[in-house]
Amino acid sequence: MALDNPLAIYKLLPKSNCQRCGVPTCLAFSAAVIKGDKFLKDCPHLDSRKISQFEGKIIRQTSPEERSKQVLEPLKKELRTVNFSASAERLGAALSHNKLTVKCLGKDFTVDAKGNVKSDCHINLSVIVPLLNYIIYSAGNEPSGKWVPFRELSSETIWDSFFLQRFEKPLKELTDAHPDLIEDMIHIFQGRPVKTTFEADISLVLHPLPKVPLLICYSKPAEDLESQFNVFFDETAGTNLGVDSIYRLCVGLLGMFQKITERHLRSS
């Protein structure tokens, strides 16, 4: 298995934050390894066997074109083993001329058997990688309607920390600064308001992928109380898309929201 993100490297480390590698924490060291600034041998706690086993599997950050090829080529190879005709129902997708059309972030993305992706909106790795993973690996389980926080989708607690810092908190800050963003979520990404048992001024369901719904609950600030912002997933989400791809897709979603906000600011 290729190691293409800091968390994959982090799992190999002692998590002692000893700083003997020259950086403050093991997580910072992981990021430096992916960037090519550090190597596994720079960690004094890793034995030579583990270094030789994993060093060759690391996909370091290079140019966007090279990184795209490194990440996508293995996925495209696996995609060739997928029977599109038999998979359309499993994925909640439409099939035409042996191409699957999947609703992703409210937009149609069409994928052929070679892994070529077409859409009317901007296509980037944060969308393509989760989309292809969804087509290849999704169990096709129907959402149960039971909402759980991101941390319950994985036993790897570090993922929850990344999700909070890279998606949930920045999206809360963006929503606080631009309350109209909620309306954009509804219109642009085909979100729909729902009633839930959670206390919130607004509860909104988005479908990043057909069988991976996401629930956003937002309460506006009032008097001395700050706003509350929480994100939940259907309990089946982890069976229909890997946690790493859910994280990657949400970060891509955040980027789209930020671009929408920037456009509104420029036009106002």
C-alpha atoms as a PDB file:
ATOM      1  CA  MET A   1       0.000   0.000   0.000  1.00  0.00           C
ATOM      2  CA  ALA A   2       1.324   3.412  -0.988  1.00  0.00           C
ATOM      3  CA  LEU A   3       1.998   5.965   1.746  1.00  0.00           C
ATOM      4  CA  ASP A   4       0.725   9.230   0.269  1.00  0.00           C
ATOM      5  CA  ASN A   5      -0.233  11.347   3.293  1.00  0.00           C
ATOM      6  CA  PRO A   6       1.275  12.355   6.675  1.00  0.00           C
ATOM      7  CA  LEU A   7      -1.117  10.172   8.662  1.00  0.00           C
ATOM      8  CA  ALA A   8       0.085   7.037   6.882  1.00  0.00           C
ATOM      9  CA  ILE A   9       3.655   7.907   7.936  1.00  0.00           C
ATOM     10  CA  TYR A  10       2.545   8.851  11.450  1.00  0.00           C
ATOM     11  CA  LYS A  11       1.230   5.316  12.065  1.00  0.00           C
ATOM     12  CA  LEU A  12       4.784   3.970  11.655  1.00  0.00           C
ATOM     13  CA  LEU A  13       6.306   6.294  14.261  1.00  0.00           C
ATOM     14  CA  PRO A  14       6.667   5.919  18.056  1.00  0.00           C
ATOM     15  CA  LYS A  15       4.612   9.098  18.696  1.00  0.00           C
ATOM     16  CA  SER A  16       7.046  10.133  21.431  1.00  0.00           C
ATOM     17  CA  ASN A  17       7.726  13.659  20.083  1.00  0.00           C
ATOM     18  CA  CYS A  18      11.355  13.262  21.166  1.00  0.00           C
ATOM     19  CA  GLN A  19      12.528  15.925  18.662  1.00  0.00           C
ATOM     20  CA  ARG A  20      15.734  14.000  17.925  1.00  0.00           C
ATOM     21  CA  CYS A  21      14.794  14.061  14.225  1.00  0.00           C
ATOM     22  CA  GLY A  22      15.053  17.846  14.257  1.00  0.00           C
ATOM     23  CA  VAL A  23      11.335  18.740  14.186  1.00  0.00           C
ATOM     24  CA  PRO A  24       8.999  19.375  17.149  1.00  0.00           C
ATOM     25  CA  THR A  25       6.571  16.448  16.847  1.00  0.00           C
ATOM     26  CA  CYS A  26       6.132  13.082  15.167  1.00  0.00           C
ATOM     27  CA  LEU A  27       3.243  14.508  13.150  1.00  0.00           C
ATOM     28  CA  ALA A  28       5.428  17.361  11.919  1.00  0.00           C
ATOM     29  CA  PHE A  29       8.085  14.782  10.998  1.00  0.00           C
ATOM     30  CA  SER A  30       5.445  12.842   9.027  1.00  0.00           C
ATOM     31  CA  ALA A  31       4.561  15.942   7.029  1.00  0.00           C
ATOM     32  CA  ALA A  32       8.267  16.615   6.390  1.00  0.00           C
ATOM     33  CA  VAL A  33       8.732  13.062   5.072  1.00  0.00           C
ATOM     34  CA  ILE A  34       5.855  13.484   2.600  1.00  0.00           C
ATOM     35  CA  LYS A  35       7.311  16.805   1.460  1.00  0.00           C
ATOM     36  CA  GLY A  36      10.731  15.184   0.930  1.00  0.00           C
ATOM     37  CA  ASP A  37      12.422  17.278   3.635  1.00  0.00           C
ATOM     38  CA  LYS A  38      12.989  14.261   5.901  1.00  0.00           C
ATOM     39  CA  PHE A  39      13.434  10.508   5.456  1.00  0.00           C
ATOM     40  CA  LEU A  40      12.384   7.562   7.624  1.00  0.00           C
ATOM     41  CA  LYS A  41      16.035   6.965   8.516  1.00  0.00           C
ATOM     42  CA  ASP A  42      16.026  10.365  10.258  1.00  0.00           C
ATOM     43  CA  CYS A  43      13.829   8.895  13.012  1.00  0.00           C
ATOM     44  CA  PRO A  44      16.179   7.282  15.564  1.00  0.00           C
ATOM     45  CA  HIS A  45      13.443   4.941  16.815  1.00  0.00           C
ATOM     46  CA  LEU A  46      12.747   3.132  13.537  1.00  0.00           C
ATOM     47  CA  ASP A  47      14.751  -0.038  12.944  1.00  0.00           C
ATOM     48  CA  SER A  48      16.399  -0.734   9.604  1.00  0.00           C
ATOM     49  CA  ARG A  49      13.881  -3.473   8.754  1.00  0.00           C
ATOM     50  CA  LYS A  50      10.905  -1.114   8.955  1.00  0.00           C
ATOM     51  CA  ILE A  51      12.785   1.607   7.080  1.00  0.00           C
ATOM     52  CA  SER A  52      13.616  -0.693   4.178  1.00  0.00           C
ATOM     53  CA  GLN A  53      10.060  -2.089   4.171  1.00  0.00           C
ATOM     54  CA  PHE A  54       8.288   1.264   3.866  1.00  0.00           C
ATOM     55  CA  GLU A  55      10.704   3.842   2.431  1.00  0.00           C
ATOM     56  CA  GLY A  56      10.073   2.707  -1.147  1.00  0.00           C
ATOM     57  CA  LYS A  57       6.301   2.958  -0.698  1.00  0.00           C
ATOM     58  CA  ILE A  58       6.275   6.663   0.185  1.00  0.00           C
ATOM     59  CA  ILE A  59       4.724   8.969  -2.392  1.00  0.00           C
ATOM     60  CA  ARG A  60       6.350  12.330  -1.790  1.00  0.00           C
ATOM     61  CA  GLN A  61       4.820  15.643  -2.768  1.00  0.00           C
ATOM     62  CA  THR A  62       6.035  16.726  -6.172  1.00  0.00           C
ATOM     63  CA  SER A  63       4.417  18.788  -8.903  1.00  0.00           C
ATOM     64  CA  PRO A  64       0.605  18.582  -9.109  1.00  0.00           C
ATOM     65  CA  GLU A  65       0.885  16.634 -12.373  1.00  0.00           C
ATOM     66  CA  GLU A  66       3.314  14.063 -10.973  1.00  0.00           C
ATOM     67  CA  ARG A  67       1.362  13.727  -7.704  1.00  0.00           C
ATOM     68  CA  SER A  68      -1.841  13.212  -9.664  1.00  0.00           C
ATOM     69  CA  LYS A  69      -0.268  10.413 -11.681  1.00  0.00           C
ATOM     70  CA  GLN A  70       1.204   8.731  -8.583  1.00  0.00           C
ATOM     71  CA  VAL A  71      -2.103   8.681  -6.754  1.00  0.00           C
ATOM     72  CA  LEU A  72      -4.488   8.067  -9.624  1.00  0.00           C
ATOM     73  CA  GLU A  73      -2.706   5.403 -11.679  1.00  0.00           C
ATOM     74  CA  PRO A  74      -3.129   2.620  -9.058  1.00  0.00           C
ATOM     75  CA  LEU A  75      -6.799   3.556  -8.658  1.00  0.00           C
ATOM     76  CA  LYS A  76      -7.387   3.548 -12.407  1.00  0.00           C
ATOM     77  CA  LYS A  77      -5.792   0.114 -12.615  1.00  0.00           C
ATOM     78  CA  GLU A  78      -8.165  -1.227  -9.942  1.00  0.00           C
ATOM     79  CA  LEU A  79     -11.131   0.472 -11.610  1.00  0.00           C
ATOM     80  CA  ARG A  80     -10.662  -1.765 -14.662  1.00  0.00           C
ATOM     81  CA  THR A  81     -11.752  -4.738 -12.528  1.00  0.00           C
ATOM     82  CA  VAL A  82     -15.112  -3.120 -11.662  1.00  0.00           C
ATOM     83  CA  ASN A  83     -18.209  -4.304 -13.510  1.00  0.00           C
ATOM     84  CA  PHE A  84     -19.975  -1.008 -14.200  1.00  0.00           C
ATOM     85  CA  SER A  85     -23.280  -2.645 -15.173  1.00  0.00           C
ATOM     86  CA  ALA A  86     -23.448  -4.582 -11.912  1.00  0.00           C
ATOM     87  CA  SER A  87     -22.270  -1.615  -9.822  1.00  0.00           C
ATOM     88  CA  ALA A  88     -24.677   1.162 -10.794  1.00  0.00           C
ATOM     89  CA  GLU A  89     -27.340   0.182  -8.250  1.00  0.00           C
ATOM     90  CA  ARG A  90     -24.725  -0.418  -5.543  1.00  0.00           C
ATOM     91  CA  LEU A  91     -23.401   3.107  -6.027  1.00  0.00           C
ATOM     92  CA  GLY A  92     -26.671   4.945  -6.601  1.00  0.00           C
ATOM     93  CA  ALA A  93     -25.294   5.917 -10.011  1.00  0.00           C
ATOM     94  CA  ALA A  94     -26.654   6.091 -13.567  1.00  0.00           C
ATOM     95  CA  LEU A  95     -25.201   3.873 -16.299  1.00  0.00           C
ATOM     96  CA  SER A  96     -24.989   4.855 -19.960  1.00  0.00           C
ATOM     97  CA  HIS A  97     -22.692   3.487 -22.686  1.00  0.00           C
ATOM     98  CA  ASN A  98     -20.644   1.690 -19.991  1.00  0.00           C
ATOM     99  CA  LYS A  99     -19.993   4.973 -18.181  1.00  0.00           C
ATOM    100  CA  LEU A 100     -21.114   5.734 -14.646  1.00  0.00           C
ATOM    101  CA  THR A 101     -22.560   9.115 -13.751  1.00  0.00           C
ATOM    102  CA  VAL A 102     -22.288   9.757 -10.028  1.00  0.00           C
ATOM    103  CA  LYS A 103     -23.747  12.736  -8.225  1.00  0.00           C
ATOM    104  CA  CYS A 104     -20.810  14.205  -6.294  1.00  0.00           C
ATOM    105  CA  LEU A 105     -21.177  17.423  -4.279  1.00  0.00           C
ATOM    106  CA  GLY A 106     -24.423  18.067  -6.092  1.00  0.00           C
ATOM    107  CA  LYS A 107     -22.814  17.866  -9.550  1.00  0.00           C
ATOM    108  CA  ASP A 108     -22.723  15.087 -12.165  1.00  0.00           C
ATOM    109  CA  PHE A 109     -19.370  13.354 -12.601  1.00  0.00           C
ATOM    110  CA  THR A 110     -19.082  10.820 -15.425  1.00  0.00           C
ATOM    111  CA  VAL A 111     -16.419   8.104 -15.187  1.00  0.00           C
ATOM    112  CA  ASP A 112     -15.420   5.646 -17.899  1.00  0.00           C
ATOM    113  CA  ALA A 113     -13.784   2.244 -17.440  1.00  0.00           C
ATOM    114  CA  LYS A 114     -10.295   3.771 -17.807  1.00  0.00           C
ATOM    115  CA  GLY A 115     -10.844   6.197 -14.939  1.00  0.00           C
ATOM    116  CA  ASN A 116     -11.297   9.303 -17.056  1.00  0.00           C
ATOM    117  CA  VAL A 117     -13.556  11.770 -15.250  1.00  0.00           C
ATOM    118  CA  LYS A 118     -15.695  14.495 -16.833  1.00  0.00           C
ATOM    119  CA  SER A 119     -17.874  17.135 -15.204  1.00  0.00           C
ATOM    120  CA  ASP A 120     -19.173  20.631 -15.843  1.00  0.00           C
ATOM    121  CA  CYS A 121     -17.452  21.855 -12.669  1.00  0.00           C
ATOM    122  CA  HIS A 122     -13.786  22.055 -11.705  1.00  0.00           C
ATOM    123  CA  ILE A 123     -12.144  18.662 -11.190  1.00  0.00           C
ATOM    124  CA  ASN A 124      -9.282  18.180  -8.729  1.00  0.00           C
ATOM    125  CA  LEU A 125      -7.652  15.396  -6.730  1.00  0.00           C
ATOM    126  CA  SER A 126      -9.729  16.088  -3.612  1.00  0.00           C
ATOM    127  CA  VAL A 127     -12.771  15.010  -5.616  1.00  0.00           C
ATOM    128  CA  ILE A 128     -11.413  12.439  -8.089  1.00  0.00           C
ATOM    129  CA  VAL A 129      -9.608  10.245  -5.540  1.00  0.00           C
ATOM    130  CA  PRO A 130     -12.648   9.807  -3.225  1.00  0.00           C
ATOM    131  CA  LEU A 131     -14.912   9.357  -6.261  1.00  0.00           C
ATOM    132  CA  LEU A 132     -12.823   6.516  -7.692  1.00  0.00           C
ATOM    133  CA  ASN A 133     -12.440   4.945  -4.244  1.00  0.00           C
ATOM    134  CA  TYR A 134     -16.216   5.093  -3.861  1.00  0.00           C
ATOM    135  CA  ILE A 135     -16.774   3.321  -7.181  1.00  0.00           C
ATOM    136  CA  ILE A 136     -14.200   0.632  -6.418  1.00  0.00           C
ATOM    137  CA  TYR A 137     -14.761  -0.063  -2.735  1.00  0.00           C
ATOM    138  CA  SER A 138     -18.222   1.145  -1.653  1.00  0.00           C
ATOM    139  CA  ALA A 139     -20.248  -1.619  -0.014  1.00  0.00           C
ATOM    140  CA  GLY A 140     -23.405   0.066  -1.292  1.00  0.00           C
ATOM    141  CA  ASN A 141     -25.079   0.049   2.119  1.00  0.00           C
ATOM    142  CA  GLU A 142     -28.182   2.212   2.289  1.00  0.00           C
ATOM    143  CA  PRO A 143     -27.923   5.036   4.859  1.00  0.00           C
ATOM    144  CA  SER A 144     -29.588   4.060   8.119  1.00  0.00           C
ATOM    145  CA  GLY A 145     -30.613   7.535   9.224  1.00  0.00           C
ATOM    146  CA  LYS A 146     -28.496   7.315  12.377  1.00  0.00           C
ATOM    147  CA  TRP A 147     -26.054  10.238  12.570  1.00  0.00           C
ATOM    148  CA  VAL A 148     -22.649   9.916  14.228  1.00  0.00           C
ATOM    149  CA  PRO A 149     -19.651  12.273  14.557  1.00  0.00           C
ATOM    150  CA  PHE A 150     -16.597  11.720  12.384  1.00  0.00           C
ATOM    151  CA  ARG A 151     -14.625  10.220  15.291  1.00  0.00           C
ATOM    152  CA  GLU A 152     -16.976   7.216  15.401  1.00  0.00           C
ATOM    153  CA  LEU A 153     -16.123   6.247  11.831  1.00  0.00           C
ATOM    154  CA  SER A 154     -12.543   5.325  12.692  1.00  0.00           C
ATOM    155  CA  SER A 155     -10.524   4.010  15.611  1.00  0.00           C
ATOM    156  CA  GLU A 156      -7.616   6.179  14.465  1.00  0.00           C
ATOM    157  CA  THR A 157      -8.031   9.231  16.731  1.00  0.00           C
ATOM    158  CA  ILE A 158      -5.511  11.274  14.733  1.00  0.00           C
ATOM    159  CA  TRP A 159      -8.011  11.388  11.849  1.00  0.00           C
ATOM    160  CA  ASP A 160     -10.523  13.126  14.123  1.00  0.00           C
ATOM    161  CA  SER A 161      -7.937  15.772  15.010  1.00  0.00           C
ATOM    162  CA  PHE A 162      -7.203  16.420  11.331  1.00  0.00           C
ATOM    163  CA  PHE A 163     -10.909  16.557  10.506  1.00  0.00           C
ATOM    164  CA  LEU A 164     -11.569  19.073  13.272  1.00  0.00           C
ATOM    165  CA  GLN A 165      -8.644  21.347  12.369  1.00  0.00           C
ATOM    166  CA  ARG A 166      -8.813  21.128   8.562  1.00  0.00           C
ATOM    167  CA  PHE A 167     -12.571  21.034   7.995  1.00  0.00           C
ATOM    168  CA  GLU A 168     -14.959  21.520  10.902  1.00  0.00           C
ATOM    169  CA  LYS A 169     -13.316  24.535  12.573  1.00  0.00           C
ATOM    170  CA  PRO A 170     -12.531  26.494   9.379  1.00  0.00           C
ATOM    171  CA  LEU A 171     -16.045  25.839   8.040  1.00  0.00           C
ATOM    172  CA  LYS A 172     -17.524  27.095  11.320  1.00  0.00           C
ATOM    173  CA  GLU A 173     -15.425  30.267  11.098  1.00  0.00           C
ATOM    174  CA  LEU A 174     -16.449  30.748   7.462  1.00  0.00           C
ATOM    175  CA  THR A 175     -20.129  30.308   8.339  1.00  0.00           C
ATOM    176  CA  ASP A 176     -19.849  32.728  11.283  1.00  0.00           C
ATOM    177  CA  ALA A 177     -18.353  35.370   9.007  1.00  0.00           C
ATOM    178  CA  HIS A 178     -20.727  34.705   6.098  1.00  0.00           C
ATOM    179  CA  PRO A 179     -24.114  33.411   7.332  1.00  0.00           C
ATOM    180  CA  ASP A 180     -25.456  33.388   3.765  1.00  0.00           C
ATOM    181  CA  LEU A 181     -23.123  30.473   3.092  1.00  0.00           C
ATOM    182  CA  ILE A 182     -25.822  28.145   4.439  1.00  0.00           C
ATOM    183  CA  GLU A 183     -28.123  29.282   1.637  1.00  0.00           C
ATOM    184  CA  ASP A 184     -25.367  28.612  -0.886  1.00  0.00           C
ATOM    185  CA  MET A 185     -25.041  25.070   0.436  1.00  0.00           C
ATOM    186  CA  ILE A 186     -28.722  24.519  -0.234  1.00  0.00           C
ATOM    187  CA  HIS A 187     -28.823  25.957  -3.753  1.00  0.00           C
ATOM    188  CA  ILE A 188     -25.410  25.079  -5.184  1.00  0.00           C
ATOM    189  CA  PHE A 189     -24.878  21.662  -3.608  1.00  0.00           C
ATOM    190  CA  GLN A 190     -28.527  20.582  -3.523  1.00  0.00           C
ATOM    191  CA  GLY A 191     -28.636  20.470   0.251  1.00  0.00           C
ATOM    192  CA  ARG A 192     -31.920  20.203   2.080  1.00  0.00           C
ATOM    193  CA  PRO A 193     -32.998  21.362   5.543  1.00  0.00           C
ATOM    194  CA  VAL A 194     -34.093  18.520   7.843  1.00  0.00           C
ATOM    195  CA  LYS A 195     -35.521  18.074  11.306  1.00  0.00           C
ATOM    196  CA  THR A 196     -33.256  16.267  13.759  1.00  0.00           C
ATOM    197  CA  THR A 197     -33.043  15.554  17.476  1.00  0.00           C
ATOM    198  CA  PHE A 198     -29.962  17.802  17.682  1.00  0.00           C
ATOM    199  CA  GLU A 199     -30.463  21.306  19.032  1.00  0.00           C
ATOM    200  CA  ALA A 200     -29.617  23.692  16.183  1.00  0.00           C
ATOM    201  CA  ASP A 201     -31.007  26.706  14.368  1.00  0.00           C
ATOM    202  CA  ILE A 202     -30.239  25.052  11.039  1.00  0.00           C
ATOM    203  CA  SER A 203     -29.841  21.358  10.235  1.00  0.00           C
ATOM    204  CA  LEU A 204     -28.807  20.718   6.662  1.00  0.00           C
ATOM    205  CA  VAL A 205     -28.082  17.473   4.786  1.00  0.00           C
ATOM    206  CA  LEU A 206     -25.621  17.409   1.879  1.00  0.00           C
ATOM    207  CA  HIS A 207     -24.676  14.390  -0.240  1.00  0.00           C
ATOM    208  CA  PRO A 208     -20.962  14.537  -1.089  1.00  0.00           C
ATOM    209  CA  LEU A 209     -21.634  11.124  -2.680  1.00  0.00           C
ATOM    210  CA  PRO A 210     -24.969   9.313  -3.170  1.00  0.00           C
ATOM    211  CA  LYS A 211     -24.645   6.963  -0.187  1.00  0.00           C
ATOM    212  CA  VAL A 212     -22.403   9.152   1.974  1.00  0.00           C
ATOM    213  CA  PRO A 213     -24.725  11.847   3.387  1.00  0.00           C
ATOM    214  CA  LEU A 214     -23.372  14.582   5.647  1.00  0.00           C
ATOM    215  CA  LEU A 215     -25.383  16.501   8.263  1.00  0.00           C
ATOM    216  CA  ILE A 216     -24.395  20.048   9.233  1.00  0.00           C
ATOM    217  CA  CYS A 217     -25.939  21.510  12.398  1.00  0.00           C
ATOM    218  CA  TYR A 218     -25.425  25.209  13.050  1.00  0.00           C
ATOM    219  CA  SER A 219     -26.643  27.430  15.878  1.00  0.00           C
ATOM    220  CA  LYS A 220     -26.152  31.170  15.527  1.00  0.00           C
ATOM    221  CA  PRO A 221     -24.366  33.141  18.254  1.00  0.00           C
ATOM    222  CA  ALA A 222     -26.706  34.600  20.869  1.00  0.00           C
ATOM    223  CA  GLU A 223     -25.922  37.073  23.643  1.00  0.00           C
ATOM    224  CA  ASP A 224     -22.817  35.727  25.420  1.00  0.00           C
ATOM    225  CA  LEU A 225     -22.929  32.340  23.687  1.00  0.00           C
ATOM    226  CA  GLU A 226     -20.772  31.649  20.661  1.00  0.00           C
ATOM    227  CA  SER A 227     -22.101  29.790  17.656  1.00  0.00           C
ATOM    228  CA  GLN A 228     -22.191  26.013  17.573  1.00  0.00           C
ATOM    229  CA  PHE A 229     -21.194  24.037  14.494  1.00  0.00           C
ATOM    230  CA  ASN A 230     -21.211  20.248  14.239  1.00  0.00           C
ATOM    231  CA  VAL A 231     -20.846  17.790  11.380  1.00  0.00           C
ATOM    232  CA  PHE A 232     -22.274  14.272  11.420  1.00  0.00           C
ATOM    233  CA  PHE A 233     -22.251  11.314   9.047  1.00  0.00           C
ATOM    234  CA  ASP A 234     -24.587   8.403   8.602  1.00  0.00           C
ATOM    235  CA  GLU A 235     -23.244   5.449  10.570  1.00  0.00           C
ATOM    236  CA  THR A 236     -22.836   3.502   7.304  1.00  0.00           C
ATOM    237  CA  ALA A 237     -20.483   6.116   5.785  1.00  0.00           C
ATOM    238  CA  GLY A 238     -17.318   4.214   6.683  1.00  0.00           C
ATOM    239  CA  THR A 239     -18.529   1.131   4.775  1.00  0.00           C
ATOM    240  CA  ASN A 240     -19.265   3.150   1.662  1.00  0.00           C
ATOM    241  CA  LEU A 241     -16.120   5.280   1.634  1.00  0.00           C
ATOM    242  CA  GLY A 242     -12.833   4.977   3.526  1.00  0.00           C
ATOM    243  CA  VAL A 243     -12.219   7.458   6.323  1.00  0.00           C
ATOM    244  CA  ASP A 244      -9.224   8.944   4.511  1.00  0.00           C
ATOM    245  CA  SER A 245     -11.379   9.601   1.429  1.00  0.00           C
ATOM    246  CA  ILE A 246     -14.184  11.080   3.558  1.00  0.00           C
ATOM    247  CA  TYR A 247     -11.631  13.450   5.058  1.00  0.00           C
ATOM    248  CA  ARG A 248     -10.164  14.309   1.641  1.00  0.00           C
ATOM    249  CA  LEU A 249     -13.615  14.931   0.172  1.00  0.00           C
ATOM    250  CA  CYS A 250     -14.625  17.220   3.045  1.00  0.00           C
ATOM    251  CA  VAL A 251     -11.449  19.268   2.676  1.00  0.00           C
ATOM    252  CA  GLY A 252     -12.284  19.614  -1.015  1.00  0.00           C
ATOM    253  CA  LEU A 253     -15.801  20.708  -0.061  1.00  0.00           C
ATOM    254  CA  LEU A 254     -14.352  23.357   2.251  1.00  0.00           C
ATOM    255  CA  GLY A 255     -12.212  24.655  -0.609  1.00  0.00           C
ATOM    256  CA  MET A 256     -15.324  25.029  -2.763  1.00  0.00           C
ATOM    257  CA  PHE A 257     -17.130  26.961  -0.015  1.00  0.00           C
ATOM    258  CA  GLN A 258     -14.117  29.258   0.359  1.00  0.00           C
ATOM    259  CA  LYS A 259     -14.066  29.971  -3.381  1.00  0.00           C
ATOM    260  CA  ILE A 260     -17.799  30.725  -3.370  1.00  0.00           C
ATOM    261  CA  THR A 261     -17.288  33.189  -0.512  1.00  0.00           C
ATOM    262  CA  GLU A 262     -14.366  34.857  -2.292  1.00  0.00           C
ATOM    263  CA  ARG A 263     -16.453  35.329  -5.429  1.00  0.00           C
ATOM    264  CA  HIS A 264     -19.269  36.880  -3.427  1.00  0.00           C
ATOM    265  CA  LEU A 265     -16.849  39.288  -1.769  1.00  0.00           C
ATOM    266  CA  ARG A 266     -15.352  40.350  -5.104  1.00  0.00           C
ATOM    267  CA  SER A 267     -18.775  40.922  -6.656  1.00  0.00           C
ATOM    268  CA  SER A 268     -20.194  42.882  -3.716  1.00  0.00           C
END
